[in-house]
């Protein structure tokens, strides 16, 4: 059964995915979580990759561009703090 979401809720989910993309890219790029341990950074990247993978499985997406999401998932999976 499809998730029953409004267009606004779908937009919020997509925005949240963008925040995860930005966080993953920022940690990898060295601009986010600079005062944290390698273990904390790794755990954050791993959680956000899992979030993106889960969100991509939702069946309510229509024309949203997942290119940056896919890139962040790939980068995050390759990241070692």
N, C-alpha and C. Protein backbone atom coordinates (compact mmCIF):
# COMPACT_ATOMS: atom_id res chain seq x y z
N UNK A 1 0.85 -1.19 0.00
CA UNK A 1 0.00 0.00 0.00
C UNK A 1 0.89 1.24 0.00
N UNK A 2 0.55 2.21 -0.76
CA UNK A 2 1.32 3.44 -0.86
C UNK A 2 1.22 4.23 0.45
N UNK A 3 2.33 4.89 0.78
CA UNK A 3 2.30 5.79 1.92
C UNK A 3 1.36 6.93 1.56
N UNK A 4 0.45 7.25 2.47
CA UNK A 4 -0.50 8.33 2.24
C UNK A 4 0.11 9.62 2.74
N UNK A 5 0.70 10.39 1.84
CA UNK A 5 1.35 11.64 2.21
C UNK A 5 0.81 12.76 1.33
N UNK A 6 0.77 13.93 1.93
CA UNK A 6 0.39 15.12 1.15
C UNK A 6 1.61 15.58 0.34
N UNK A 7 1.36 16.44 -0.62
CA UNK A 7 2.48 17.00 -1.40
C UNK A 7 3.44 17.75 -0.50
N UNK A 8 2.91 18.41 0.51
CA UNK A 8 3.75 19.16 1.45
C UNK A 8 4.63 18.21 2.26
N UNK A 9 4.06 17.10 2.70
CA UNK A 9 4.84 16.12 3.47
C UNK A 9 5.93 15.48 2.60
N UNK A 10 5.59 15.22 1.36
CA UNK A 10 6.59 14.67 0.44
C UNK A 10 7.71 15.68 0.24
N UNK A 11 7.36 16.93 0.08
CA UNK A 11 8.36 17.98 -0.08
C UNK A 11 9.24 18.08 1.17
N UNK A 12 8.66 17.93 2.35
CA UNK A 12 9.43 17.96 3.59
C UNK A 12 10.40 16.78 3.65
N UNK A 13 9.94 15.61 3.24
CA UNK A 13 10.81 14.42 3.22
C UNK A 13 11.97 14.63 2.25
N UNK A 14 11.70 15.21 1.10
CA UNK A 14 12.74 15.45 0.11
C UNK A 14 13.75 16.48 0.64
N UNK A 15 13.25 17.50 1.32
CA UNK A 15 14.13 18.49 1.93
C UNK A 15 15.01 17.85 3.00
N UNK A 16 14.44 16.98 3.81
CA UNK A 16 15.21 16.28 4.84
C UNK A 16 16.30 15.41 4.21
N UNK A 17 15.97 14.80 3.08
CA UNK A 17 16.99 14.02 2.38
C UNK A 17 18.13 14.93 1.93
N UNK A 18 17.81 16.12 1.49
CA UNK A 18 18.83 17.09 1.10
C UNK A 18 19.72 17.47 2.26
N UNK A 19 19.15 17.57 3.45
CA UNK A 19 19.95 17.86 4.64
C UNK A 19 20.93 16.72 4.92
N UNK A 20 20.48 15.49 4.75
CA UNK A 20 21.37 14.35 4.94
C UNK A 20 22.49 14.36 3.90
N UNK A 21 22.14 14.67 2.66
CA UNK A 21 23.15 14.77 1.60
C UNK A 21 24.18 15.82 1.97
N UNK A 22 23.72 16.99 2.40
CA UNK A 22 24.64 18.07 2.78
C UNK A 22 25.53 17.67 3.95
N UNK A 23 24.96 16.99 4.93
CA UNK A 23 25.73 16.58 6.10
C UNK A 23 26.79 15.55 5.72
N UNK A 24 26.42 14.55 4.95
CA UNK A 24 27.38 13.54 4.49
C UNK A 24 28.51 14.22 3.73
N UNK A 25 28.16 15.06 2.77
CA UNK A 25 29.17 15.74 1.96
C UNK A 25 30.05 16.65 2.81
N UNK A 26 29.46 17.31 3.79
CA UNK A 26 30.21 18.20 4.67
C UNK A 26 31.18 17.45 5.56
N UNK A 27 30.76 16.31 6.08
CA UNK A 27 31.66 15.51 6.91
C UNK A 27 32.82 15.01 6.06
N UNK A 28 32.51 14.47 4.91
CA UNK A 28 33.56 13.97 4.02
C UNK A 28 34.49 15.11 3.59
N UNK A 29 33.92 16.27 3.33
CA UNK A 29 34.71 17.42 2.88
C UNK A 29 35.44 18.16 4.00
N UNK A 30 35.15 17.79 5.24
CA UNK A 30 35.85 18.39 6.37
C UNK A 30 35.27 19.71 6.87
N UNK A 31 34.05 20.04 6.46
CA UNK A 31 33.45 21.29 6.90
C UNK A 31 32.36 21.09 7.96
N UNK A 32 31.98 19.88 8.23
CA UNK A 32 30.95 19.57 9.24
C UNK A 32 31.53 18.66 10.32
N UNK A 33 31.07 18.85 11.53
CA UNK A 33 31.45 18.01 12.67
C UNK A 33 32.97 18.02 12.89
N UNK A 34 33.58 19.17 12.70
CA UNK A 34 35.03 19.26 12.80
C UNK A 34 35.55 18.98 14.21
N UNK A 35 34.76 19.19 15.22
CA UNK A 35 35.19 18.96 16.60
C UNK A 35 34.83 17.59 17.13
N UNK A 36 34.41 16.69 16.27
CA UNK A 36 33.96 15.36 16.70
C UNK A 36 35.03 14.31 16.41
N UNK A 37 34.92 13.19 17.09
CA UNK A 37 35.87 12.10 16.87
C UNK A 37 35.58 11.41 15.54
N UNK A 38 36.55 10.66 15.08
CA UNK A 38 36.38 9.89 13.84
C UNK A 38 35.21 8.92 13.98
N UNK A 39 35.06 8.33 15.15
CA UNK A 39 33.97 7.38 15.37
C UNK A 39 32.61 8.07 15.29
N UNK A 40 32.52 9.26 15.85
CA UNK A 40 31.26 10.01 15.80
C UNK A 40 30.92 10.42 14.37
N UNK A 41 31.92 10.85 13.63
CA UNK A 41 31.70 11.22 12.24
C UNK A 41 31.26 10.01 11.42
N UNK A 42 31.92 8.89 11.63
CA UNK A 42 31.57 7.68 10.89
C UNK A 42 30.14 7.25 11.22
N UNK A 43 29.79 7.29 12.49
CA UNK A 43 28.44 6.90 12.90
C UNK A 43 27.39 7.82 12.26
N UNK A 44 27.68 9.10 12.20
CA UNK A 44 26.75 10.06 11.60
C UNK A 44 26.59 9.80 10.11
N UNK A 45 27.70 9.59 9.42
CA UNK A 45 27.62 9.28 7.98
C UNK A 45 26.83 8.00 7.77
N UNK A 46 27.12 6.97 8.56
CA UNK A 46 26.42 5.69 8.41
C UNK A 46 24.92 5.85 8.63
N UNK A 47 24.53 6.59 9.67
CA UNK A 47 23.10 6.81 9.94
C UNK A 47 22.43 7.54 8.80
N UNK A 48 23.10 8.55 8.27
CA UNK A 48 22.50 9.34 7.20
C UNK A 48 22.42 8.56 5.89
N UNK A 49 23.40 7.71 5.62
CA UNK A 49 23.33 6.83 4.45
C UNK A 49 22.13 5.89 4.60
N UNK A 50 21.98 5.31 5.78
CA UNK A 50 20.84 4.42 6.03
C UNK A 50 19.52 5.16 5.83
N UNK A 51 19.45 6.39 6.32
CA UNK A 51 18.24 7.21 6.15
C UNK A 51 17.93 7.42 4.67
N UNK A 52 18.95 7.78 3.90
CA UNK A 52 18.73 8.02 2.47
C UNK A 52 18.29 6.75 1.76
N UNK A 53 18.93 5.64 2.09
CA UNK A 53 18.55 4.37 1.46
C UNK A 53 17.11 4.01 1.79
N UNK A 54 16.72 4.21 3.03
CA UNK A 54 15.34 3.92 3.44
C UNK A 54 14.36 4.83 2.72
N UNK A 55 14.67 6.11 2.68
CA UNK A 55 13.75 7.06 2.05
C UNK A 55 13.61 6.80 0.55
N UNK A 56 14.66 6.36 -0.10
CA UNK A 56 14.57 6.07 -1.54
C UNK A 56 13.59 4.95 -1.84
N UNK A 57 13.32 4.09 -0.87
CA UNK A 57 12.41 2.96 -1.10
C UNK A 57 10.94 3.37 -1.05
N UNK A 58 10.67 4.58 -0.61
CA UNK A 58 9.28 5.03 -0.51
C UNK A 58 8.65 5.09 -1.89
N UNK A 59 7.39 4.73 -1.97
CA UNK A 59 6.73 4.65 -3.28
C UNK A 59 5.97 5.91 -3.66
N UNK A 60 6.17 6.98 -2.92
CA UNK A 60 5.45 8.21 -3.25
C UNK A 60 6.27 9.20 -4.06
N UNK A 61 7.51 8.87 -4.38
CA UNK A 61 8.32 9.77 -5.19
C UNK A 61 7.79 9.79 -6.62
N UNK A 62 7.85 10.94 -7.24
CA UNK A 62 7.40 11.06 -8.63
C UNK A 62 8.56 11.56 -9.48
N UNK A 63 8.71 12.85 -9.60
CA UNK A 63 9.74 13.41 -10.49
C UNK A 63 10.94 13.97 -9.74
N UNK A 64 11.06 13.66 -8.45
CA UNK A 64 12.18 14.19 -7.67
C UNK A 64 13.51 13.63 -8.22
N UNK A 65 14.50 14.50 -8.29
CA UNK A 65 15.82 14.12 -8.78
C UNK A 65 16.62 13.50 -7.63
N UNK A 66 16.99 12.25 -7.78
CA UNK A 66 17.73 11.53 -6.74
C UNK A 66 19.23 11.44 -7.05
N UNK A 67 19.71 12.21 -8.01
CA UNK A 67 21.12 12.15 -8.40
C UNK A 67 22.04 12.44 -7.22
N UNK A 68 21.80 13.54 -6.51
CA UNK A 68 22.65 13.90 -5.37
C UNK A 68 22.50 12.92 -4.22
N UNK A 69 21.31 12.37 -4.06
CA UNK A 69 21.09 11.35 -3.04
C UNK A 69 21.94 10.12 -3.36
N UNK A 70 21.90 9.67 -4.59
CA UNK A 70 22.68 8.51 -4.99
C UNK A 70 24.18 8.75 -4.81
N UNK A 71 24.63 9.95 -5.17
CA UNK A 71 26.05 10.29 -5.02
C UNK A 71 26.46 10.29 -3.55
N UNK A 72 25.60 10.84 -2.68
CA UNK A 72 25.90 10.89 -1.25
C UNK A 72 25.92 9.48 -0.65
N UNK A 73 25.01 8.62 -1.09
CA UNK A 73 25.00 7.24 -0.61
C UNK A 73 26.31 6.55 -0.99
N UNK A 74 26.72 6.71 -2.23
CA UNK A 74 27.96 6.09 -2.70
C UNK A 74 29.15 6.65 -1.94
N UNK A 75 29.21 7.96 -1.80
CA UNK A 75 30.32 8.59 -1.08
C UNK A 75 30.34 8.17 0.38
N UNK A 76 29.17 8.14 0.99
CA UNK A 76 29.08 7.75 2.39
C UNK A 76 29.50 6.31 2.63
N UNK A 77 29.12 5.44 1.72
CA UNK A 77 29.51 4.03 1.87
C UNK A 77 31.02 3.85 1.71
N UNK A 78 31.64 4.75 0.96
CA UNK A 78 33.09 4.68 0.77
C UNK A 78 33.88 5.42 1.81
N UNK A 79 33.20 6.12 2.69
CA UNK A 79 33.87 6.97 3.70
C UNK A 79 34.38 6.15 4.86
N UNK A 80 35.61 6.42 5.22
CA UNK A 80 36.18 5.86 6.44
C UNK A 80 36.80 7.01 7.21
N UNK A 81 36.25 7.28 8.38
CA UNK A 81 36.72 8.40 9.19
C UNK A 81 38.13 8.17 9.69
